[in-house]
């Protein structure tokens, strides 16, 4: 019986570790994203998931910390634009994770595209912008949400594992003949 209990506890531990590793690996896979930059009007610029869906702000990009992302910027507009993930909604903000396609001094020309591959950093809320002067003020920005790579353990599964572990330990302890002297 002791061996059975130990084997059960070991198997539950291995199963838990495998579930955790599989969840983390699934979340940190490579991701390809294409985003379009352009002008909605002379006074409103933006980003979109297609050249016909450009909006201001642009669509929210959601990543998982540790993911490798290849992002392609398609300039569907009539003037040069670029793309950068930054820590503030400002053209002078710090570029994060080297996530930048083109730059203020070397933007992506109309009808052209560019790509960058980067690894997503810490969980949090960030922005993506066009760094060309005045474009953020005209609406060329969007939100970037980075979720933690460590998955939350599902509560029902945690309850099942805890119940099995407690039951196994109780069964094991009831089989063991514990003799302790009682001292007063």
N, C-alpha and C. Protein backbone atom coordinates (compact mmCIF):
# COMPACT_ATOMS: atom_id res chain seq x y z
N UNK A 1 0.83 -1.19 0.00
CA UNK A 1 0.00 0.00 0.00
C UNK A 1 0.87 1.26 0.00
N UNK A 2 2.01 1.22 0.75
CA UNK A 2 2.89 2.37 0.80
C UNK A 2 3.41 2.73 -0.59
N UNK A 3 3.78 1.69 -1.33
CA UNK A 3 4.31 1.93 -2.67
C UNK A 3 3.24 2.55 -3.57
N UNK A 4 2.01 2.08 -3.45
CA UNK A 4 0.92 2.61 -4.26
C UNK A 4 0.70 4.10 -3.97
N UNK A 5 0.71 4.45 -2.70
CA UNK A 5 0.51 5.85 -2.31
C UNK A 5 1.65 6.71 -2.84
N UNK A 6 2.87 6.24 -2.70
CA UNK A 6 4.02 7.01 -3.18
C UNK A 6 3.99 7.16 -4.71
N UNK A 7 3.62 6.09 -5.38
CA UNK A 7 3.51 6.14 -6.84
C UNK A 7 2.42 7.13 -7.24
N UNK A 8 1.29 7.13 -6.55
CA UNK A 8 0.20 8.05 -6.84
C UNK A 8 0.65 9.50 -6.64
N UNK A 9 1.31 9.77 -5.56
CA UNK A 9 1.80 11.13 -5.29
C UNK A 9 2.81 11.55 -6.35
N UNK A 10 3.71 10.65 -6.72
CA UNK A 10 4.71 10.95 -7.74
C UNK A 10 4.04 11.23 -9.08
N UNK A 11 3.06 10.40 -9.45
CA UNK A 11 2.38 10.60 -10.73
C UNK A 11 1.61 11.92 -10.77
N UNK A 12 0.99 12.29 -9.66
CA UNK A 12 0.28 13.58 -9.61
C UNK A 12 1.26 14.74 -9.75
N UNK A 13 2.42 14.61 -9.13
CA UNK A 13 3.44 15.65 -9.24
C UNK A 13 3.92 15.79 -10.69
N UNK A 14 4.19 14.67 -11.32
CA UNK A 14 4.64 14.69 -12.72
C UNK A 14 3.55 15.27 -13.61
N UNK A 15 2.31 14.86 -13.41
CA UNK A 15 1.20 15.37 -14.20
C UNK A 15 1.07 16.88 -14.03
N UNK A 16 1.17 17.37 -12.82
CA UNK A 16 1.09 18.81 -12.56
C UNK A 16 2.20 19.55 -13.29
N UNK A 17 3.42 19.02 -13.23
CA UNK A 17 4.55 19.65 -13.90
C UNK A 17 4.35 19.67 -15.41
N UNK A 18 3.85 18.57 -15.98
CA UNK A 18 3.63 18.51 -17.42
C UNK A 18 2.56 19.50 -17.86
N UNK A 19 1.48 19.61 -17.09
CA UNK A 19 0.42 20.58 -17.42
C UNK A 19 0.98 22.00 -17.40
N UNK A 20 1.78 22.31 -16.40
CA UNK A 20 2.39 23.63 -16.27
C UNK A 20 3.32 23.93 -17.45
N UNK A 21 4.22 23.00 -17.76
CA UNK A 21 5.17 23.19 -18.85
C UNK A 21 4.44 23.33 -20.18
N UNK A 22 3.44 22.51 -20.43
CA UNK A 22 2.68 22.60 -21.68
C UNK A 22 1.98 23.95 -21.80
N UNK A 23 1.43 24.45 -20.71
CA UNK A 23 0.75 25.74 -20.74
C UNK A 23 1.73 26.87 -21.04
N UNK A 24 2.90 26.83 -20.41
CA UNK A 24 3.90 27.87 -20.65
C UNK A 24 4.41 27.80 -22.08
N UNK A 25 4.69 26.60 -22.59
CA UNK A 25 5.18 26.46 -23.96
C UNK A 25 4.15 26.94 -24.96
N UNK A 26 2.89 26.65 -24.73
CA UNK A 26 1.83 27.09 -25.64
C UNK A 26 1.74 28.61 -25.65
N UNK A 27 1.97 29.23 -24.51
CA UNK A 27 1.85 30.68 -24.42
C UNK A 27 3.06 31.40 -24.98
N UNK A 28 4.21 30.75 -25.03
CA UNK A 28 5.41 31.43 -25.49
C UNK A 28 5.79 31.04 -26.91
N UNK A 29 4.84 30.59 -27.69
CA UNK A 29 5.10 30.22 -29.07
C UNK A 29 5.34 31.48 -29.92
N UNK A 30 5.85 31.25 -31.13
CA UNK A 30 6.08 32.37 -32.05
C UNK A 30 4.75 32.88 -32.61
N UNK A 31 4.67 34.20 -32.76
CA UNK A 31 3.45 34.83 -33.24
C UNK A 31 3.82 35.76 -34.40
N UNK A 32 3.00 35.74 -35.45
CA UNK A 32 3.15 36.66 -36.58
C UNK A 32 1.98 37.64 -36.57
N UNK A 33 2.30 38.93 -36.65
CA UNK A 33 1.27 39.97 -36.64
C UNK A 33 1.54 40.90 -37.82
N UNK A 34 0.48 41.25 -38.52
CA UNK A 34 0.57 42.27 -39.57
C UNK A 34 -0.36 43.41 -39.18
N UNK A 35 0.18 44.62 -39.21
CA UNK A 35 -0.63 45.79 -38.89
C UNK A 35 -0.45 46.82 -40.01
N UNK A 36 -1.54 47.52 -40.30
CA UNK A 36 -1.55 48.49 -41.39
C UNK A 36 -1.56 49.90 -40.82
N UNK A 37 -0.79 50.79 -41.43
CA UNK A 37 -0.73 52.19 -41.03
C UNK A 37 -1.30 53.03 -42.16
N UNK A 38 -2.00 54.11 -41.79
CA UNK A 38 -2.54 54.98 -42.84
C UNK A 38 -3.33 56.13 -42.28
N UNK A 39 -3.95 56.85 -43.16
CA UNK A 39 -4.73 58.02 -42.79
C UNK A 39 -6.21 57.75 -43.03
N UNK A 40 -7.03 58.08 -42.03
CA UNK A 40 -8.49 57.99 -42.21
C UNK A 40 -9.00 59.26 -42.91
N UNK A 41 -8.37 60.38 -42.59
CA UNK A 41 -8.71 61.68 -43.20
C UNK A 41 -7.48 62.57 -43.04
N UNK A 42 -7.58 63.81 -43.44
CA UNK A 42 -6.43 64.71 -43.31
C UNK A 42 -6.15 65.07 -41.85
N UNK A 43 -7.12 64.82 -40.98
CA UNK A 43 -6.93 65.16 -39.57
C UNK A 43 -6.97 63.96 -38.64
N UNK A 44 -7.03 62.75 -39.21
CA UNK A 44 -7.06 61.56 -38.36
C UNK A 44 -6.30 60.42 -39.03
N UNK A 45 -5.25 59.95 -38.33
CA UNK A 45 -4.43 58.85 -38.81
C UNK A 45 -4.64 57.67 -37.87
N UNK A 46 -4.22 56.48 -38.30
CA UNK A 46 -4.41 55.33 -37.42
C UNK A 46 -3.73 54.07 -37.90
N UNK A 47 -4.10 52.99 -37.23
CA UNK A 47 -3.60 51.64 -37.53
C UNK A 47 -4.80 50.71 -37.65
N UNK A 48 -4.63 49.59 -38.34
CA UNK A 48 -5.71 48.63 -38.45
C UNK A 48 -5.20 47.23 -38.75
N UNK A 49 -6.11 46.27 -38.68
CA UNK A 49 -5.78 44.88 -39.01
C UNK A 49 -5.81 44.64 -40.51
N UNK A 50 -6.34 45.61 -41.26
CA UNK A 50 -6.34 45.58 -42.72
C UNK A 50 -6.30 47.02 -43.20
N UNK A 51 -6.07 47.22 -44.49
CA UNK A 51 -6.02 48.59 -45.01
C UNK A 51 -7.38 49.27 -44.97
N UNK A 52 -8.45 48.48 -44.88
CA UNK A 52 -9.79 49.06 -44.84
C UNK A 52 -10.35 49.19 -43.42
N UNK A 53 -9.56 48.77 -42.42
CA UNK A 53 -10.05 48.86 -41.04
C UNK A 53 -9.21 49.78 -40.17
N UNK A 54 -8.57 50.76 -40.78
CA UNK A 54 -7.71 51.69 -40.02
C UNK A 54 -8.58 52.53 -39.10
N UNK A 55 -8.17 52.56 -37.83
CA UNK A 55 -8.93 53.30 -36.82
C UNK A 55 -7.98 54.01 -35.87
N UNK A 56 -8.56 54.92 -35.11
CA UNK A 56 -7.79 55.64 -34.11
C UNK A 56 -8.57 55.63 -32.81
N UNK A 57 -8.04 55.04 -31.74
CA UNK A 57 -6.77 54.31 -31.70
C UNK A 57 -6.86 53.02 -32.51
N UNK A 58 -5.69 52.45 -32.78
CA UNK A 58 -5.63 51.20 -33.52
C UNK A 58 -6.08 50.03 -32.65
N UNK A 59 -6.15 48.84 -33.25
CA UNK A 59 -6.60 47.66 -32.50
C UNK A 59 -5.63 47.33 -31.36
N UNK A 60 -6.16 46.82 -30.27
CA UNK A 60 -5.32 46.42 -29.14
C UNK A 60 -4.54 45.16 -29.51
N UNK A 61 -3.25 45.19 -29.25
CA UNK A 61 -2.39 44.04 -29.48
C UNK A 61 -2.18 43.35 -28.13
N UNK A 62 -2.43 42.05 -28.07
CA UNK A 62 -2.27 41.30 -26.83
C UNK A 62 -1.19 40.24 -27.03
N UNK A 63 -0.19 40.28 -26.17
CA UNK A 63 0.91 39.33 -26.21
C UNK A 63 1.08 38.68 -24.85
N UNK A 64 1.93 37.67 -24.80
CA UNK A 64 2.27 37.01 -23.54
C UNK A 64 3.77 37.20 -23.31
N UNK A 65 4.12 37.56 -22.11
CA UNK A 65 5.51 37.79 -21.76
C UNK A 65 6.35 36.59 -22.20
N UNK A 66 7.44 36.86 -22.91
CA UNK A 66 8.33 35.80 -23.38
C UNK A 66 8.05 35.34 -24.80
N UNK A 67 6.92 35.73 -25.39
CA UNK A 67 6.62 35.35 -26.77
C UNK A 67 7.61 35.98 -27.73
N UNK A 68 7.90 35.27 -28.80
CA UNK A 68 8.67 35.84 -29.90
C UNK A 68 7.67 36.28 -30.95
N UNK A 69 7.72 37.55 -31.29
CA UNK A 69 6.74 38.13 -32.21
C UNK A 69 7.47 38.65 -33.45
N UNK A 70 6.95 38.30 -34.61
CA UNK A 70 7.39 38.91 -35.86
C UNK A 70 6.26 39.81 -36.31
N UNK A 71 6.52 41.11 -36.31
CA UNK A 71 5.51 42.09 -36.66
C UNK A 71 5.87 42.73 -38.00
N UNK A 72 4.89 42.76 -38.89
CA UNK A 72 5.06 43.39 -40.19
C UNK A 72 4.17 44.62 -40.25
N UNK A 73 4.75 45.75 -40.62
CA UNK A 73 4.00 46.99 -40.81
C UNK A 73 3.81 47.20 -42.31
N UNK A 74 2.56 47.30 -42.73
CA UNK A 74 2.20 47.61 -44.11
C UNK A 74 1.75 49.07 -44.13
N UNK A 75 2.45 49.92 -44.89
CA UNK A 75 2.04 51.31 -44.98
C UNK A 75 1.01 51.44 -46.09
N UNK A 76 -0.26 51.54 -45.71
CA UNK A 76 -1.36 51.69 -46.66
C UNK A 76 -1.73 53.15 -46.86
N UNK A 77 -0.94 54.04 -46.28
CA UNK A 77 -1.25 55.46 -46.33
C UNK A 77 -0.62 56.17 -47.52
N UNK A 78 -0.71 57.48 -47.48
CA UNK A 78 -0.17 58.31 -48.56
C UNK A 78 1.10 59.04 -48.15
N UNK A 79 1.59 58.76 -46.95
CA UNK A 79 2.82 59.38 -46.46
C UNK A 79 3.59 58.38 -45.62
N UNK A 80 4.86 58.66 -45.32
CA UNK A 80 5.66 57.73 -44.52
C UNK A 80 5.14 57.58 -43.08
N UNK A 81 5.22 56.35 -42.55
CA UNK A 81 4.84 56.03 -41.17
C UNK A 81 5.84 55.03 -40.61
N UNK A 82 5.77 54.81 -39.30
CA UNK A 82 6.55 53.74 -38.69
C UNK A 82 5.75 53.15 -37.54
N UNK A 83 6.34 52.18 -36.86
CA UNK A 83 5.67 51.48 -35.76
C UNK A 83 6.71 51.28 -34.66
N UNK A 84 6.31 51.54 -33.41
CA UNK A 84 7.19 51.26 -32.27
C UNK A 84 6.33 50.98 -31.04
N UNK A 85 6.73 49.98 -30.26
CA UNK A 85 6.09 49.74 -28.96
C UNK A 85 6.87 50.56 -27.95
N UNK A 86 6.14 51.37 -27.19
CA UNK A 86 6.77 52.32 -26.28
C UNK A 86 6.12 52.29 -24.90
N UNK A 87 6.76 52.97 -23.96
CA UNK A 87 6.26 53.00 -22.59
C UNK A 87 5.31 54.16 -22.31
N UNK A 88 5.13 55.07 -23.25
CA UNK A 88 4.22 56.21 -23.08
C UNK A 88 3.70 56.63 -24.45
N UNK A 89 2.55 57.27 -24.48
CA UNK A 89 1.93 57.69 -25.74
C UNK A 89 2.55 59.01 -26.19
N UNK A 90 3.81 58.93 -26.61
CA UNK A 90 4.56 60.11 -27.03
C UNK A 90 5.61 59.68 -28.05
N UNK A 91 5.85 60.53 -29.04
CA UNK A 91 6.83 60.19 -30.08
C UNK A 91 8.26 60.17 -29.53
N UNK A 92 8.47 60.70 -28.33
CA UNK A 92 9.81 60.67 -27.73
C UNK A 92 9.94 59.58 -26.66
N UNK A 93 8.92 58.73 -26.52
CA UNK A 93 8.93 57.67 -25.50
C UNK A 93 10.00 56.62 -25.83
N UNK A 94 10.37 55.86 -24.82
CA UNK A 94 11.37 54.81 -24.96
C UNK A 94 10.81 53.62 -25.71
N UNK A 95 11.53 53.18 -26.74
CA UNK A 95 11.14 51.98 -27.49
C UNK A 95 11.48 50.76 -26.64
N UNK A 96 10.52 49.84 -26.52
CA UNK A 96 10.69 48.64 -25.69
C UNK A 96 11.01 47.43 -26.56
N UNK A 97 11.90 46.59 -26.08
CA UNK A 97 12.20 45.26 -26.64
C UNK A 97 12.70 45.33 -28.09
N UNK A 98 13.18 46.49 -28.51
CA UNK A 98 13.61 46.71 -29.90
C UNK A 98 12.47 46.47 -30.89
N UNK A 99 11.25 46.71 -30.42
CA UNK A 99 10.05 46.50 -31.23
C UNK A 99 9.76 47.76 -32.04
N UNK A 100 10.48 47.90 -33.16
CA UNK A 100 10.35 49.11 -33.96
C UNK A 100 10.55 48.76 -35.43
N UNK A 101 9.64 49.23 -36.27
CA UNK A 101 9.75 49.08 -37.72
C UNK A 101 9.89 50.48 -38.28
N UNK A 102 11.00 50.76 -38.94
CA UNK A 102 11.28 52.11 -39.38
C UNK A 102 11.60 52.98 -38.18
N UNK A 103 11.75 54.26 -38.40
CA UNK A 103 12.05 55.19 -37.30
C UNK A 103 11.59 56.59 -37.71
N UNK A 104 11.78 57.53 -36.83
CA UNK A 104 11.43 58.92 -37.13
C UNK A 104 12.25 59.40 -38.32
N UNK A 105 13.54 59.08 -38.33
CA UNK A 105 14.41 59.55 -39.41
C UNK A 105 14.39 58.65 -40.64
N UNK A 106 13.87 57.44 -40.50
CA UNK A 106 13.82 56.50 -41.63
C UNK A 106 12.51 55.70 -41.60
N UNK A 107 11.37 56.38 -41.83
CA UNK A 107 10.07 55.68 -41.77
C UNK A 107 9.86 54.78 -42.98
N UNK A 108 8.78 54.00 -42.91
CA UNK A 108 8.40 53.11 -44.01
C UNK A 108 7.59 53.95 -45.01
N UNK A 109 8.03 53.97 -46.27
CA UNK A 109 7.35 54.77 -47.29
C UNK A 109 6.00 54.20 -47.66
N UNK A 110 5.13 55.05 -48.20
CA UNK A 110 3.80 54.63 -48.62
C UNK A 110 3.91 53.48 -49.63
N UNK A 111 3.04 52.49 -49.46
CA UNK A 111 3.04 51.32 -50.33
C UNK A 111 4.10 50.29 -50.00
N UNK A 112 4.92 50.55 -48.98
CA UNK A 112 6.00 49.63 -48.60
C UNK A 112 5.68 48.96 -47.27
N UNK A 113 6.53 48.01 -46.92
CA UNK A 113 6.37 47.33 -45.63
C UNK A 113 7.73 47.09 -45.01
N UNK A 114 7.71 46.77 -43.74
CA UNK A 114 8.91 46.42 -43.01
C UNK A 114 8.54 45.49 -41.88
N UNK A 115 9.52 44.75 -41.37
CA UNK A 115 9.25 43.78 -40.30
C UNK A 115 10.31 43.87 -39.22
N UNK A 116 9.93 43.38 -38.05
CA UNK A 116 10.85 43.26 -36.93
C UNK A 116 10.46 42.01 -36.13
N UNK A 117 11.45 41.34 -35.58
CA UNK A 117 11.19 40.22 -34.68
C UNK A 117 11.74 40.60 -33.32
N UNK A 118 10.92 40.40 -32.28
CA UNK A 118 11.33 40.78 -30.93
C UNK A 118 10.74 39.80 -29.93
N UNK A 119 11.29 39.82 -28.73
CA UNK A 119 10.77 39.01 -27.64
C UNK A 119 10.06 39.93 -26.66
N UNK A 120 8.81 39.62 -26.37
CA UNK A 120 7.99 40.45 -25.50
C UNK A 120 8.53 40.42 -24.07
N UNK A 121 8.58 41.58 -23.44
CA UNK A 121 9.10 41.70 -22.08
C UNK A 121 8.04 41.51 -21.01
N UNK A 122 8.17 42.26 -19.95
CA UNK A 122 7.35 42.12 -18.75
C UNK A 122 5.87 42.39 -19.00
N UNK A 123 5.05 41.71 -18.20
CA UNK A 123 3.60 41.93 -18.25
C UNK A 123 3.29 43.38 -17.91
N UNK A 124 2.26 43.91 -18.54
CA UNK A 124 1.85 45.29 -18.27
C UNK A 124 1.08 45.86 -19.45
N UNK A 125 0.80 47.16 -19.36
CA UNK A 125 0.09 47.88 -20.42
C UNK A 125 1.03 48.89 -21.05
N UNK A 126 1.11 48.87 -22.37
CA UNK A 126 2.03 49.71 -23.12
C UNK A 126 1.28 50.32 -24.30
N UNK A 127 2.01 51.01 -25.16
CA UNK A 127 1.44 51.62 -26.36
C UNK A 127 2.25 51.24 -27.58
N UNK A 128 1.62 51.31 -28.74
CA UNK A 128 2.37 51.34 -29.99
C UNK A 128 1.99 52.63 -30.68
N UNK A 129 2.96 53.21 -31.37
CA UNK A 129 2.76 54.53 -31.97
C UNK A 129 3.47 54.61 -33.32
N UNK A 130 3.14 55.67 -34.06
CA UNK A 130 3.94 56.10 -35.20
C UNK A 130 4.77 57.27 -34.66
N UNK A 131 6.09 57.17 -34.81
CA UNK A 131 6.99 58.18 -34.25
C UNK A 131 7.18 59.41 -35.14
N UNK A 132 6.61 59.39 -36.34
CA UNK A 132 6.75 60.55 -37.22
C UNK A 132 6.10 61.75 -36.53
N UNK A 133 6.77 62.90 -36.59
CA UNK A 133 6.31 64.10 -35.88
C UNK A 133 4.84 64.40 -36.12
N UNK A 134 4.10 64.54 -35.03
CA UNK A 134 2.70 64.92 -35.07
C UNK A 134 1.72 63.79 -35.30
N UNK A 135 2.20 62.60 -35.64
CA UNK A 135 1.27 61.51 -35.96
C UNK A 135 0.56 60.94 -34.74
N UNK A 136 1.22 60.91 -33.58
CA UNK A 136 0.54 60.43 -32.36
C UNK A 136 -0.64 61.34 -32.05
N UNK A 137 -0.44 62.64 -32.17
CA UNK A 137 -1.51 63.60 -31.90
C UNK A 137 -2.68 63.46 -32.88
N UNK A 138 -2.41 62.91 -34.06
CA UNK A 138 -3.46 62.70 -35.06
C UNK A 138 -4.10 61.32 -34.94
N UNK A 139 -3.72 60.58 -33.90
CA UNK A 139 -4.39 59.32 -33.61
C UNK A 139 -3.62 58.05 -33.92
N UNK A 140 -2.36 58.16 -34.30
CA UNK A 140 -1.59 56.97 -34.66
C UNK A 140 -0.98 56.32 -33.42
N UNK A 141 -1.84 55.64 -32.69
CA UNK A 141 -1.40 54.91 -31.50
C UNK A 141 -2.42 53.80 -31.22
N UNK A 142 -2.01 52.88 -30.38
CA UNK A 142 -2.89 51.81 -29.93
C UNK A 142 -2.34 51.22 -28.65
N UNK A 143 -3.11 50.36 -28.03
CA UNK A 143 -2.70 49.75 -26.76
C UNK A 143 -2.05 48.40 -27.00
N UNK A 144 -1.07 48.11 -26.14
CA UNK A 144 -0.41 46.80 -26.12
C UNK A 144 -0.60 46.24 -24.72
N UNK A 145 -1.22 45.07 -24.63
CA UNK A 145 -1.43 44.40 -23.35
C UNK A 145 -0.53 43.17 -23.33
N UNK A 146 0.33 43.10 -22.32
CA UNK A 146 1.21 41.94 -22.17
C UNK A 146 0.77 41.19 -20.92
N UNK A 147 0.39 39.93 -21.12
CA UNK A 147 -0.04 39.08 -20.02
C UNK A 147 1.13 38.26 -19.51
N UNK A 148 1.03 37.84 -18.27
CA UNK A 148 2.08 37.03 -17.65
C UNK A 148 2.17 35.67 -18.32
N UNK A 149 3.38 35.15 -18.46
CA UNK A 149 3.58 33.84 -19.08
C UNK A 149 3.24 32.70 -18.13
N UNK A 150 3.21 32.97 -16.85
CA UNK A 150 2.92 31.92 -15.88
C UNK A 150 1.40 31.81 -15.75
N UNK A 151 0.85 30.68 -16.16
CA UNK A 151 -0.60 30.55 -16.10
C UNK A 151 -1.08 30.37 -14.67
N UNK A 152 -2.28 30.85 -14.42
CA UNK A 152 -2.89 30.59 -13.13
C UNK A 152 -3.34 29.15 -13.11
N UNK A 153 -3.13 28.49 -11.99
CA UNK A 153 -3.55 27.09 -11.87
C UNK A 153 -5.06 27.09 -11.66
N UNK A 154 -5.80 26.36 -12.47
CA UNK A 154 -7.27 26.35 -12.34
C UNK A 154 -7.70 25.87 -10.95
N UNK A 155 -8.54 26.63 -10.30
CA UNK A 155 -8.98 26.31 -8.94
C UNK A 155 -9.60 24.92 -8.82
N UNK A 156 -10.50 24.49 -9.71
CA UNK A 156 -11.06 23.13 -9.56
C UNK A 156 -9.98 22.05 -9.62
N UNK A 157 -8.99 22.23 -10.49
CA UNK A 157 -7.91 21.25 -10.59
C UNK A 157 -7.06 21.26 -9.32
N UNK A 158 -6.82 22.44 -8.78
CA UNK A 158 -6.08 22.55 -7.53
C UNK A 158 -6.81 21.82 -6.40
N UNK A 159 -8.12 21.97 -6.33
CA UNK A 159 -8.92 21.30 -5.29
C UNK A 159 -8.84 19.79 -5.45
N UNK A 160 -8.93 19.31 -6.69
CA UNK A 160 -8.84 17.86 -6.93
C UNK A 160 -7.48 17.33 -6.50
N UNK A 161 -6.40 18.00 -6.92
CA UNK A 161 -5.06 17.54 -6.54
C UNK A 161 -4.86 17.58 -5.02
N UNK A 162 -5.33 18.65 -4.38
CA UNK A 162 -5.18 18.76 -2.93
C UNK A 162 -5.96 17.66 -2.22
N UNK A 163 -7.16 17.38 -2.67
CA UNK A 163 -7.99 16.33 -2.07
C UNK A 163 -7.32 14.96 -2.22
N UNK A 164 -6.80 14.68 -3.41
CA UNK A 164 -6.12 13.40 -3.63
C UNK A 164 -4.88 13.29 -2.76
N UNK A 165 -4.11 14.38 -2.67
CA UNK A 165 -2.90 14.36 -1.85
C UNK A 165 -3.22 14.14 -0.38
N UNK A 166 -4.24 14.84 0.14
CA UNK A 166 -4.62 14.69 1.55
C UNK A 166 -5.13 13.27 1.80
N UNK A 167 -5.95 12.76 0.90
CA UNK A 167 -6.48 11.39 1.04
C UNK A 167 -5.34 10.38 1.01
N UNK A 168 -4.40 10.56 0.10
CA UNK A 168 -3.27 9.63 0.00
C UNK A 168 -2.42 9.68 1.26
N UNK A 169 -2.17 10.88 1.77
CA UNK A 169 -1.37 11.00 2.99
C UNK A 169 -2.11 10.39 4.18
N UNK A 170 -3.43 10.60 4.27
CA UNK A 170 -4.21 10.03 5.37
C UNK A 170 -4.18 8.50 5.29
N UNK A 171 -4.32 7.97 4.08
CA UNK A 171 -4.28 6.51 3.90
C UNK A 171 -2.91 5.97 4.29
N UNK A 172 -1.88 6.67 3.90
CA UNK A 172 -0.52 6.25 4.23
C UNK A 172 -0.30 6.30 5.74
N UNK A 173 -0.72 7.39 6.37
CA UNK A 173 -0.49 7.55 7.81
C UNK A 173 -1.30 6.53 8.61
N UNK A 174 -2.48 6.13 8.14
CA UNK A 174 -3.29 5.16 8.88
C UNK A 174 -2.67 3.77 8.81
N UNK A 175 -1.83 3.52 7.82
CA UNK A 175 -1.18 2.23 7.66
C UNK A 175 0.14 2.14 8.42
N UNK A 176 0.69 3.28 8.74
CA UNK A 176 1.98 3.30 9.43
C UNK A 176 1.74 3.17 10.93
N UNK A 177 2.48 2.32 11.54
CA UNK A 177 2.37 2.11 12.97
C UNK A 177 3.33 3.09 13.66
N UNK A 178 2.79 4.19 14.11
CA UNK A 178 3.60 5.23 14.73
C UNK A 178 3.60 5.01 16.23
N UNK A 179 4.80 4.84 16.77
CA UNK A 179 4.93 4.67 18.23
C UNK A 179 5.82 5.79 18.73
N UNK A 180 5.22 6.69 19.43
CA UNK A 180 5.96 7.78 20.04
C UNK A 180 5.73 7.75 21.53
N UNK A 181 6.77 7.94 22.25
CA UNK A 181 6.55 8.06 23.71
C UNK A 181 5.90 9.40 24.02
N UNK A 182 4.99 9.37 24.92
CA UNK A 182 4.32 10.59 25.35
C UNK A 182 5.05 11.11 26.58
N UNK A 183 5.49 12.30 26.50
CA UNK A 183 6.19 12.88 27.68
C UNK A 183 5.34 13.99 28.24
N UNK A 184 5.31 14.05 29.54
CA UNK A 184 4.51 15.07 30.22
C UNK A 184 5.39 16.10 30.84
